[in-house]
N, C-alpha and C. Protein backbone atom coordinates (compact mmCIF):
# COMPACT_ATOMS: atom_id res chain seq x y z
N MET A 1 15.89 0.07 -6.24
CA MET A 1 14.69 0.32 -7.02
C MET A 1 13.68 1.05 -6.13
N LYS A 2 12.95 2.00 -6.70
CA LYS A 2 11.96 2.76 -5.94
C LYS A 2 10.70 1.92 -5.70
N ILE A 3 10.00 2.28 -4.64
CA ILE A 3 8.75 1.61 -4.27
C ILE A 3 7.68 1.90 -5.31
N LYS A 4 6.93 0.85 -5.65
CA LYS A 4 5.71 1.00 -6.44
C LYS A 4 4.57 0.66 -5.51
N CYS A 5 3.48 1.42 -5.60
CA CYS A 5 2.37 1.25 -4.66
C CYS A 5 1.14 0.67 -5.33
N GLN A 6 0.40 -0.12 -4.56
CA GLN A 6 -0.89 -0.67 -4.97
C GLN A 6 -1.91 -0.30 -3.92
N ALA A 7 -2.93 0.47 -4.31
CA ALA A 7 -3.98 0.84 -3.37
C ALA A 7 -4.95 -0.31 -3.19
N GLU A 8 -5.37 -0.50 -1.94
CA GLU A 8 -6.46 -1.44 -1.67
C GLU A 8 -7.76 -0.66 -1.85
N ASN A 9 -8.87 -1.38 -2.04
CA ASN A 9 -10.17 -0.73 -2.24
C ASN A 9 -10.54 0.24 -1.14
N ASP A 10 -10.11 -0.03 0.08
CA ASP A 10 -10.51 0.83 1.19
C ASP A 10 -9.73 2.13 1.27
N LEU A 11 -8.67 2.28 0.49
CA LEU A 11 -7.86 3.48 0.56
C LEU A 11 -8.60 4.66 -0.07
N ASN A 12 -8.67 5.75 0.65
CA ASN A 12 -9.34 6.96 0.18
C ASN A 12 -8.71 7.41 -1.15
N GLY A 13 -9.53 7.48 -2.18
CA GLY A 13 -9.05 7.85 -3.51
C GLY A 13 -8.44 9.23 -3.57
N ILE A 14 -8.87 10.11 -2.68
CA ILE A 14 -8.30 11.46 -2.67
C ILE A 14 -6.84 11.41 -2.22
N VAL A 15 -6.49 10.46 -1.37
CA VAL A 15 -5.09 10.29 -0.97
C VAL A 15 -4.25 9.95 -2.20
N ILE A 16 -4.73 9.02 -3.01
CA ILE A 16 -3.99 8.61 -4.22
C ILE A 16 -3.82 9.81 -5.15
N ARG A 17 -4.91 10.53 -5.41
CA ARG A 17 -4.83 11.69 -6.31
C ARG A 17 -3.86 12.74 -5.78
N THR A 18 -3.88 12.95 -4.46
CA THR A 18 -2.98 13.95 -3.88
C THR A 18 -1.53 13.52 -4.01
N VAL A 19 -1.24 12.26 -3.76
CA VAL A 19 0.13 11.75 -3.94
C VAL A 19 0.56 11.96 -5.39
N LYS A 20 -0.29 11.60 -6.33
CA LYS A 20 0.07 11.74 -7.75
C LYS A 20 0.25 13.20 -8.16
N GLU A 21 -0.53 14.11 -7.56
CA GLU A 21 -0.38 15.53 -7.87
C GLU A 21 0.93 16.09 -7.31
N LEU A 22 1.26 15.70 -6.08
CA LEU A 22 2.46 16.22 -5.42
C LEU A 22 3.74 15.55 -5.90
N ALA A 23 3.63 14.29 -6.29
CA ALA A 23 4.81 13.52 -6.71
C ALA A 23 4.44 12.60 -7.86
N PRO A 24 4.27 13.16 -9.06
CA PRO A 24 3.82 12.35 -10.20
C PRO A 24 4.78 11.22 -10.59
N GLU A 25 5.99 11.28 -10.10
CA GLU A 25 6.96 10.22 -10.41
C GLU A 25 6.68 8.92 -9.66
N ILE A 26 5.82 8.95 -8.65
CA ILE A 26 5.49 7.75 -7.88
C ILE A 26 4.52 6.88 -8.68
N ASP A 27 4.87 5.64 -8.81
CA ASP A 27 4.02 4.65 -9.50
C ASP A 27 3.00 4.14 -8.48
N PHE A 28 1.78 4.66 -8.57
CA PHE A 28 0.74 4.36 -7.58
C PHE A 28 -0.48 3.87 -8.35
N GLN A 29 -0.72 2.59 -8.28
CA GLN A 29 -1.83 1.96 -9.01
C GLN A 29 -3.09 1.92 -8.14
N THR A 30 -4.22 2.30 -8.72
CA THR A 30 -5.49 2.24 -7.99
C THR A 30 -5.99 0.79 -7.95
N ALA A 31 -6.94 0.54 -7.06
CA ALA A 31 -7.51 -0.80 -6.95
C ALA A 31 -8.18 -1.24 -8.25
N PRO A 32 -9.02 -0.40 -8.89
CA PRO A 32 -9.64 -0.84 -10.14
C PRO A 32 -8.62 -1.15 -11.25
N MET A 33 -7.50 -0.42 -11.27
CA MET A 33 -6.47 -0.70 -12.28
C MET A 33 -5.91 -2.11 -12.14
N ALA A 34 -5.92 -2.63 -10.90
CA ALA A 34 -5.39 -3.97 -10.64
C ALA A 34 -6.49 -5.03 -10.68
N GLY A 35 -7.72 -4.61 -10.95
CA GLY A 35 -8.82 -5.56 -10.98
C GLY A 35 -9.34 -5.92 -9.60
N LEU A 36 -9.03 -5.09 -8.61
CA LEU A 36 -9.53 -5.35 -7.25
C LEU A 36 -10.91 -4.73 -7.10
N HIS A 37 -11.79 -5.48 -6.50
CA HIS A 37 -13.17 -5.04 -6.29
C HIS A 37 -13.49 -5.11 -4.82
N LEU A 38 -14.51 -4.38 -4.39
CA LEU A 38 -14.94 -4.48 -3.00
C LEU A 38 -15.23 -5.93 -2.66
N GLY A 39 -14.76 -6.36 -1.54
CA GLY A 39 -14.99 -7.73 -1.12
C GLY A 39 -13.90 -8.70 -1.53
N THR A 40 -12.89 -8.23 -2.28
CA THR A 40 -11.77 -9.11 -2.63
C THR A 40 -11.06 -9.48 -1.33
N PRO A 41 -10.89 -10.77 -1.05
CA PRO A 41 -10.26 -11.19 0.20
C PRO A 41 -8.83 -10.64 0.34
N ASP A 42 -8.45 -10.34 1.57
CA ASP A 42 -7.13 -9.77 1.83
C ASP A 42 -6.00 -10.61 1.26
N ASP A 43 -6.09 -11.94 1.39
CA ASP A 43 -5.01 -12.78 0.87
C ASP A 43 -4.87 -12.64 -0.64
N GLN A 44 -5.98 -12.47 -1.34
CA GLN A 44 -5.94 -12.27 -2.80
C GLN A 44 -5.36 -10.90 -3.14
N VAL A 45 -5.73 -9.89 -2.37
CA VAL A 45 -5.19 -8.54 -2.57
C VAL A 45 -3.67 -8.56 -2.40
N LEU A 46 -3.21 -9.22 -1.35
CA LEU A 46 -1.76 -9.34 -1.11
C LEU A 46 -1.07 -10.07 -2.25
N LYS A 47 -1.70 -11.11 -2.75
CA LYS A 47 -1.13 -11.89 -3.85
C LYS A 47 -1.00 -11.05 -5.12
N ILE A 48 -2.04 -10.27 -5.43
CA ILE A 48 -2.01 -9.42 -6.62
C ILE A 48 -0.92 -8.36 -6.49
N ALA A 49 -0.84 -7.71 -5.33
CA ALA A 49 0.20 -6.70 -5.11
C ALA A 49 1.59 -7.31 -5.24
N ALA A 50 1.78 -8.48 -4.66
CA ALA A 50 3.08 -9.15 -4.73
C ALA A 50 3.44 -9.55 -6.15
N SER A 51 2.45 -9.99 -6.91
CA SER A 51 2.73 -10.42 -8.29
C SER A 51 3.23 -9.27 -9.16
N GLU A 52 2.90 -8.04 -8.76
CA GLU A 52 3.35 -6.87 -9.52
C GLU A 52 4.45 -6.10 -8.76
N ASN A 53 4.97 -6.72 -7.70
CA ASN A 53 6.04 -6.14 -6.89
C ASN A 53 5.67 -4.74 -6.39
N ARG A 54 4.46 -4.63 -5.83
CA ARG A 54 3.95 -3.36 -5.33
C ARG A 54 3.66 -3.45 -3.83
N VAL A 55 4.04 -2.41 -3.11
CA VAL A 55 3.68 -2.30 -1.70
C VAL A 55 2.19 -2.01 -1.64
N LEU A 56 1.47 -2.77 -0.85
CA LEU A 56 0.04 -2.56 -0.70
C LEU A 56 -0.19 -1.41 0.28
N VAL A 57 -1.08 -0.47 -0.10
CA VAL A 57 -1.40 0.67 0.74
C VAL A 57 -2.87 0.55 1.12
N SER A 58 -3.14 0.52 2.43
CA SER A 58 -4.48 0.23 2.92
C SER A 58 -4.78 1.04 4.17
N HIS A 59 -6.05 1.15 4.50
CA HIS A 59 -6.47 1.71 5.78
C HIS A 59 -6.82 0.59 6.77
N ASP A 60 -6.79 -0.65 6.35
CA ASP A 60 -7.29 -1.79 7.12
C ASP A 60 -6.35 -2.21 8.25
N ARG A 61 -6.57 -1.65 9.43
CA ARG A 61 -5.77 -2.00 10.61
C ARG A 61 -6.31 -3.22 11.33
N LYS A 62 -7.53 -3.63 11.00
CA LYS A 62 -8.16 -4.73 11.74
C LYS A 62 -7.75 -6.10 11.20
N THR A 63 -7.96 -6.36 9.93
CA THR A 63 -7.72 -7.71 9.42
C THR A 63 -6.42 -7.86 8.62
N MET A 64 -5.95 -6.76 8.00
CA MET A 64 -4.77 -6.88 7.13
C MET A 64 -3.52 -7.36 7.86
N PRO A 65 -3.22 -6.89 9.07
CA PRO A 65 -2.00 -7.39 9.72
C PRO A 65 -1.96 -8.91 9.88
N THR A 66 -3.08 -9.51 10.25
CA THR A 66 -3.12 -10.97 10.40
C THR A 66 -2.96 -11.65 9.05
N HIS A 67 -3.66 -11.17 8.04
CA HIS A 67 -3.54 -11.76 6.71
C HIS A 67 -2.12 -11.59 6.17
N PHE A 68 -1.52 -10.45 6.45
CA PHE A 68 -0.14 -10.21 6.01
C PHE A 68 0.82 -11.19 6.68
N ALA A 69 0.66 -11.40 7.99
CA ALA A 69 1.53 -12.35 8.71
C ALA A 69 1.39 -13.75 8.13
N ASN A 70 0.17 -14.16 7.84
CA ASN A 70 -0.06 -15.47 7.22
C ASN A 70 0.55 -15.53 5.83
N PHE A 71 0.43 -14.46 5.07
CA PHE A 71 0.95 -14.42 3.71
C PHE A 71 2.47 -14.58 3.69
N ILE A 72 3.17 -13.80 4.54
CA ILE A 72 4.64 -13.85 4.51
C ILE A 72 5.21 -15.11 5.15
N ALA A 73 4.36 -15.90 5.78
CA ALA A 73 4.82 -17.18 6.33
C ALA A 73 5.18 -18.15 5.22
N SER A 74 4.58 -17.95 4.04
CA SER A 74 4.85 -18.88 2.94
C SER A 74 5.27 -18.20 1.64
N GLN A 75 5.20 -16.86 1.59
CA GLN A 75 5.52 -16.13 0.37
C GLN A 75 6.23 -14.83 0.73
N THR A 76 6.83 -14.22 -0.26
CA THR A 76 7.47 -12.93 -0.06
C THR A 76 6.52 -11.82 -0.50
N SER A 77 6.49 -10.76 0.28
CA SER A 77 5.66 -9.60 -0.03
C SER A 77 6.53 -8.37 -0.19
N PRO A 78 6.19 -7.48 -1.11
CA PRO A 78 6.89 -6.21 -1.22
C PRO A 78 6.64 -5.30 -0.02
N GLY A 79 5.66 -5.66 0.82
CA GLY A 79 5.36 -4.90 2.03
C GLY A 79 3.97 -4.32 2.01
N VAL A 80 3.59 -3.77 3.16
CA VAL A 80 2.28 -3.16 3.33
C VAL A 80 2.44 -1.88 4.13
N PHE A 81 1.77 -0.82 3.68
CA PHE A 81 1.64 0.42 4.44
C PHE A 81 0.20 0.50 4.91
N ILE A 82 0.00 0.60 6.22
CA ILE A 82 -1.33 0.81 6.78
C ILE A 82 -1.41 2.29 7.17
N VAL A 83 -2.27 3.02 6.47
CA VAL A 83 -2.40 4.46 6.66
C VAL A 83 -3.56 4.74 7.61
N SER A 84 -3.28 5.47 8.66
CA SER A 84 -4.31 5.81 9.64
C SER A 84 -5.38 6.69 9.02
N ARG A 85 -6.63 6.37 9.32
CA ARG A 85 -7.75 7.20 8.86
C ARG A 85 -7.82 8.51 9.64
N LYS A 86 -7.08 8.61 10.73
CA LYS A 86 -7.09 9.83 11.54
C LYS A 86 -6.25 10.94 10.91
N LEU A 87 -5.42 10.59 9.94
CA LEU A 87 -4.61 11.59 9.25
C LEU A 87 -5.47 12.39 8.28
N THR A 88 -5.11 13.62 8.07
CA THR A 88 -5.76 14.38 7.00
C THR A 88 -5.27 13.83 5.67
N ILE A 89 -5.95 14.19 4.61
CA ILE A 89 -5.52 13.77 3.27
C ILE A 89 -4.08 14.22 3.03
N ALA A 90 -3.80 15.49 3.34
CA ALA A 90 -2.45 16.03 3.12
C ALA A 90 -1.41 15.27 3.93
N GLN A 91 -1.72 14.97 5.19
CA GLN A 91 -0.76 14.23 6.02
C GLN A 91 -0.50 12.84 5.46
N ALA A 92 -1.56 12.15 5.08
CA ALA A 92 -1.39 10.79 4.52
C ALA A 92 -0.53 10.83 3.27
N ALA A 93 -0.82 11.78 2.39
CA ALA A 93 -0.04 11.90 1.16
C ALA A 93 1.42 12.23 1.46
N GLU A 94 1.64 13.14 2.38
CA GLU A 94 3.02 13.52 2.73
C GLU A 94 3.80 12.35 3.30
N TRP A 95 3.16 11.55 4.17
CA TRP A 95 3.83 10.37 4.73
C TRP A 95 4.19 9.37 3.63
N LEU A 96 3.25 9.11 2.73
CA LEU A 96 3.52 8.15 1.65
C LEU A 96 4.65 8.65 0.76
N ILE A 97 4.66 9.93 0.45
CA ILE A 97 5.73 10.51 -0.36
C ILE A 97 7.07 10.41 0.38
N LEU A 98 7.04 10.66 1.68
CA LEU A 98 8.26 10.57 2.48
C LEU A 98 8.83 9.15 2.46
N PHE A 99 7.97 8.15 2.67
CA PHE A 99 8.45 6.76 2.63
C PHE A 99 9.00 6.42 1.25
N TRP A 100 8.34 6.88 0.20
CA TRP A 100 8.81 6.62 -1.16
C TRP A 100 10.19 7.25 -1.38
N ALA A 101 10.35 8.50 -0.95
CA ALA A 101 11.59 9.22 -1.17
C ALA A 101 12.75 8.69 -0.32
N ALA A 102 12.43 8.23 0.88
CA ALA A 102 13.48 7.86 1.83
C ALA A 102 13.89 6.40 1.81
N SER A 103 13.19 5.58 1.04
CA SER A 103 13.54 4.15 1.07
C SER A 103 13.47 3.53 -0.31
N GLU A 104 14.08 2.40 -0.40
CA GLU A 104 14.07 1.60 -1.62
C GLU A 104 13.13 0.42 -1.43
N ALA A 105 12.65 -0.12 -2.52
CA ALA A 105 11.70 -1.22 -2.47
C ALA A 105 12.25 -2.40 -1.66
N GLU A 106 13.53 -2.67 -1.79
CA GLU A 106 14.13 -3.81 -1.11
C GLU A 106 14.05 -3.68 0.41
N GLU A 107 13.99 -2.46 0.91
CA GLU A 107 13.93 -2.22 2.35
C GLU A 107 12.55 -2.53 2.94
N GLN A 108 11.54 -2.62 2.11
CA GLN A 108 10.17 -2.83 2.57
C GLN A 108 9.72 -4.29 2.50
N ILE A 109 10.55 -5.17 1.94
CA ILE A 109 10.17 -6.56 1.76
C ILE A 109 9.77 -7.18 3.10
N ASN A 110 8.56 -7.76 3.10
CA ASN A 110 7.98 -8.44 4.25
C ASN A 110 7.80 -7.54 5.49
N LEU A 111 7.72 -6.23 5.27
CA LEU A 111 7.50 -5.30 6.38
C LEU A 111 6.07 -4.76 6.35
N LEU A 112 5.49 -4.64 7.53
CA LEU A 112 4.20 -3.99 7.71
C LEU A 112 4.50 -2.68 8.42
N THR A 113 4.18 -1.57 7.76
CA THR A 113 4.48 -0.25 8.30
C THR A 113 3.19 0.49 8.58
N HIS A 114 3.04 0.96 9.81
CA HIS A 114 1.88 1.76 10.19
C HIS A 114 2.23 3.24 10.01
N ILE A 115 1.42 3.94 9.25
CA ILE A 115 1.66 5.36 8.98
C ILE A 115 0.59 6.13 9.72
N PRO A 116 1.05 7.03 10.56
CA PRO A 116 1.39 6.76 11.93
C PRO A 116 0.27 6.12 12.70
């Protein structure tokens, strides 16, 4: 099964739009579509993404890795992609499309992937 993505609130919206323009076949849900609001705790964000079997896509390199480790200690996660803010919009979109094209959802279970 192909990866479905869930954007966290901190993910640059232009990255999402670019991914959807370049690869409209990717199921990429925005934070508002999932009912996520600024300030939603990381553990809740992870829970919502997991309930819809979506890989969480975030820029949060500071707190998300710890929350993710705690989350997978007791639950299964479809995975997390942490996208570097140092990438250009095009680079971030290309990396996300590459991961989508090159892997299946089952390969990302309980994995935290840093892009790059």
